Amino acid sequence: GLKPSVITYNFLITAMAKARGGSKWEKALDLFEEMERNGLTADVRVYNSLISAMGSQWQRALHVFNNMVRSGMEPTVVTYNALISSLVKAPGGSQWDKALRVFEEMERSGV
């Protein structure tokens, strides 16, 4: 039969980010892990979608971002925007100080 590609997983993770009633971040993480178990390597678009899917789960979004950078991938402006968005949506109030540091890092990196 047909096997899903990285593009397929990216669309599914994006769908989890845009699910009615709010992000299905846990399912997005499950799909990401399934993709890796199936021997597929995430590209920057998949990481961007996964960070977006984290919604207000800013600590998880930051963890995904750090894993992406550790894997040797260069964040794009979309990556930084997704991470900043997650920090702004943090439960109990915006993590504005962390969002500002991410913005400054983005400027330093020349993105």
Foldseek 3Di string as FASTA:
>chain_A
DDDDALVNLLVVLLCQLVDPPHHPLVVNVVSVVVCVVVVYDHAQSSLLSNLSSCALVLVVSVVSVVVCVVVVHDHDPSSLVSNLRNQCRHPPGHPVVVNVVSVVVCVVVVD
